Structure formats: C-alpha cells, structure tokens
Amino acid sequence: MSMAAPNPVSSFAVDEVVGLRRSRWARLIDFVRHQPLGTIGMVMVGIVTVAGIGADLIAPYDPTSNDF
C-alpha cells in the first residue's frame, strides 16, 4: 500500500487555473499567511531601503568632519 504525497500547489496557481480573480489585498494576505519568512524578509528589505533613502534625515552630520 502506497500513499501519495500531498500536492504542493499554492493558492496562486489554483487561482490561475480556475480563473478566479482575487484582489491584491487578498493575494497579499494569502502570501503573508503561507510564507511568513518571506514576509519577514520583505519587511527587512523595506526597512533597509527606507533607511538608505532617508539617510540624510537619520544622520544629517558630515561623517568626515571631526569635532574634538
């Protein structure tokens, strides 16, 4: 007697096959629920990107000047 492995098809692929149209928010929530490490990675990349873009606001002083 053999048992078949579960089918690892994500709901994204099922939506494309069935032809259902889901909102972007529903797909985002589905991704967050099924891929928590991917979500954490995206948040970390977003934080680093925002810090890089706003670096002048975070540290407005010249890094090469010395004030003894």
C-alpha atoms as a PDB file:
ATOM      1  CA  MET A   1       0.000   0.000   0.000  1.00  0.00           C
ATOM      2  CA  SER A   2       1.474   3.328  -1.020  1.00  0.00           C
ATOM      3  CA  MET A   3       0.400   6.785  -0.035  1.00  0.00           C
ATOM      4  CA  ALA A   4       0.635   9.733  -2.369  1.00  0.00           C
ATOM      5  CA  ALA A   5       2.408  12.861  -1.199  1.00  0.00           C
ATOM      6  CA  PRO A   6       0.266  15.981  -0.801  1.00  0.00           C
ATOM      7  CA  ASN A   7       0.196  18.269  -3.795  1.00  0.00           C
ATOM      8  CA  PRO A   8       2.267  21.412  -3.004  1.00  0.00           C
ATOM      9  CA  VAL A   9       0.236  23.662  -5.303  1.00  0.00           C
ATOM     10  CA  SER A  10      -0.168  27.120  -3.850  1.00  0.00           C
ATOM     11  CA  SER A  11      -3.420  29.009  -3.987  1.00  0.00           C
ATOM     12  CA  PHE A  12      -1.818  31.413  -6.501  1.00  0.00           C
ATOM     13  CA  ALA A  13      -1.513  28.627  -9.072  1.00  0.00           C
ATOM     14  CA  VAL A  14      -5.017  27.387  -8.290  1.00  0.00           C
ATOM     15  CA  ASP A  15      -6.430  30.860  -8.932  1.00  0.00           C
ATOM     16  CA  GLU A  16      -4.778  30.964 -12.339  1.00  0.00           C
ATOM     17  CA  VAL A  17      -6.047  27.504 -13.301  1.00  0.00           C
ATOM     18  CA  VAL A  18      -9.583  28.065 -12.087  1.00  0.00           C
ATOM     19  CA  GLY A  19      -9.676  31.600 -13.465  1.00  0.00           C
ATOM     20  CA  LEU A  20     -10.751  33.292 -10.253  1.00  0.00           C
ATOM     21  CA  ARG A  21      -9.915  36.950  -9.823  1.00  0.00           C
ATOM     22  CA  ARG A  22      -8.803  37.860  -6.325  1.00  0.00           C
ATOM     23  CA  SER A  23      -7.983  41.321  -5.113  1.00  0.00           C
ATOM     24  CA  ARG A  24      -4.394  42.310  -4.497  1.00  0.00           C
ATOM     25  CA  TRP A  25      -5.064  42.551  -0.762  1.00  0.00           C
ATOM     26  CA  ALA A  26      -6.449  39.005  -0.681  1.00  0.00           C
ATOM     27  CA  ARG A  27      -3.385  37.702  -2.507  1.00  0.00           C
ATOM     28  CA  LEU A  28      -1.089  39.659  -0.169  1.00  0.00           C
ATOM     29  CA  ILE A  29      -2.813  38.266   2.916  1.00  0.00           C
ATOM     30  CA  ASP A  30      -2.586  34.776   1.436  1.00  0.00           C
ATOM     31  CA  PHE A  31       1.151  35.240   0.844  1.00  0.00           C
ATOM     32  CA  VAL A  32       1.694  36.538   4.390  1.00  0.00           C
ATOM     33  CA  ARG A  33      -0.172  33.577   5.884  1.00  0.00           C
ATOM     34  CA  HIS A  34       1.614  30.941   3.798  1.00  0.00           C
ATOM     35  CA  GLN A  35       5.111  32.469   3.610  1.00  0.00           C
ATOM     36  CA  PRO A  36       5.949  34.078   6.974  1.00  0.00           C
ATOM     37  CA  LEU A  37       9.724  34.033   6.378  1.00  0.00           C
ATOM     38  CA  GLY A  38       9.252  35.685   3.004  1.00  0.00           C
ATOM     39  CA  THR A  39       7.165  38.359   4.662  1.00  0.00           C
ATOM     40  CA  ILE A  40       9.829  38.990   7.308  1.00  0.00           C
ATOM     41  CA  GLY A  41      12.451  39.231   4.563  1.00  0.00           C
ATOM     42  CA  MET A  42      10.370  41.729   2.591  1.00  0.00           C
ATOM     43  CA  VAL A  43       9.856  43.862   5.703  1.00  0.00           C
ATOM     44  CA  MET A  44      13.592  43.856   6.454  1.00  0.00           C
ATOM     45  CA  VAL A  45      14.465  44.839   2.880  1.00  0.00           C
ATOM     46  CA  GLY A  46      11.859  47.600   3.059  1.00  0.00           C
ATOM     47  CA  ILE A  47      13.308  48.960   6.306  1.00  0.00           C
ATOM     48  CA  VAL A  48      16.850  48.988   4.901  1.00  0.00           C
ATOM     49  CA  THR A  49      15.633  50.675   1.707  1.00  0.00           C
ATOM     50  CA  VAL A  50      13.780  53.393   3.626  1.00  0.00           C
ATOM     51  CA  ALA A  51      16.821  53.929   5.875  1.00  0.00           C
ATOM     52  CA  GLY A  52      19.063  54.240   2.813  1.00  0.00           C
ATOM     53  CA  ILE A  53      16.789  56.718   1.087  1.00  0.00           C
ATOM     54  CA  GLY A  54      16.323  58.788   4.253  1.00  0.00           C
ATOM     55  CA  ALA A  55      19.948  58.566   5.429  1.00  0.00           C
ATOM     56  CA  ASP A  56      20.371  62.353   5.382  1.00  0.00           C
ATOM     57  CA  LEU A  57      17.438  62.737   7.747  1.00  0.00           C
ATOM     58  CA  ILE A  58      18.655  59.991  10.084  1.00  0.00           C
ATOM     59  CA  ALA A  59      22.240  61.313  10.345  1.00  0.00           C
ATOM     60  CA  PRO A  60      22.397  64.877   8.990  1.00  0.00           C
ATOM     61  CA  TYR A  61      26.009  65.455  10.045  1.00  0.00           C
ATOM     62  CA  ASP A  62      29.084  65.144   7.844  1.00  0.00           C
ATOM     63  CA  PRO A  63      30.773  61.770   8.527  1.00  0.00           C
ATOM     64  CA  THR A  64      34.273  63.084   7.691  1.00  0.00           C
ATOM     65  CA  SER A  65      34.309  66.153   9.919  1.00  0.00           C
ATOM     66  CA  ASN A  66      35.758  65.886  13.413  1.00  0.00           C
ATOM     67  CA  ASP A  67      34.617  67.890  16.395  1.00  0.00           C
ATOM     68  CA  PHE A  68      37.003  67.344  19.269  1.00  0.00           C
END
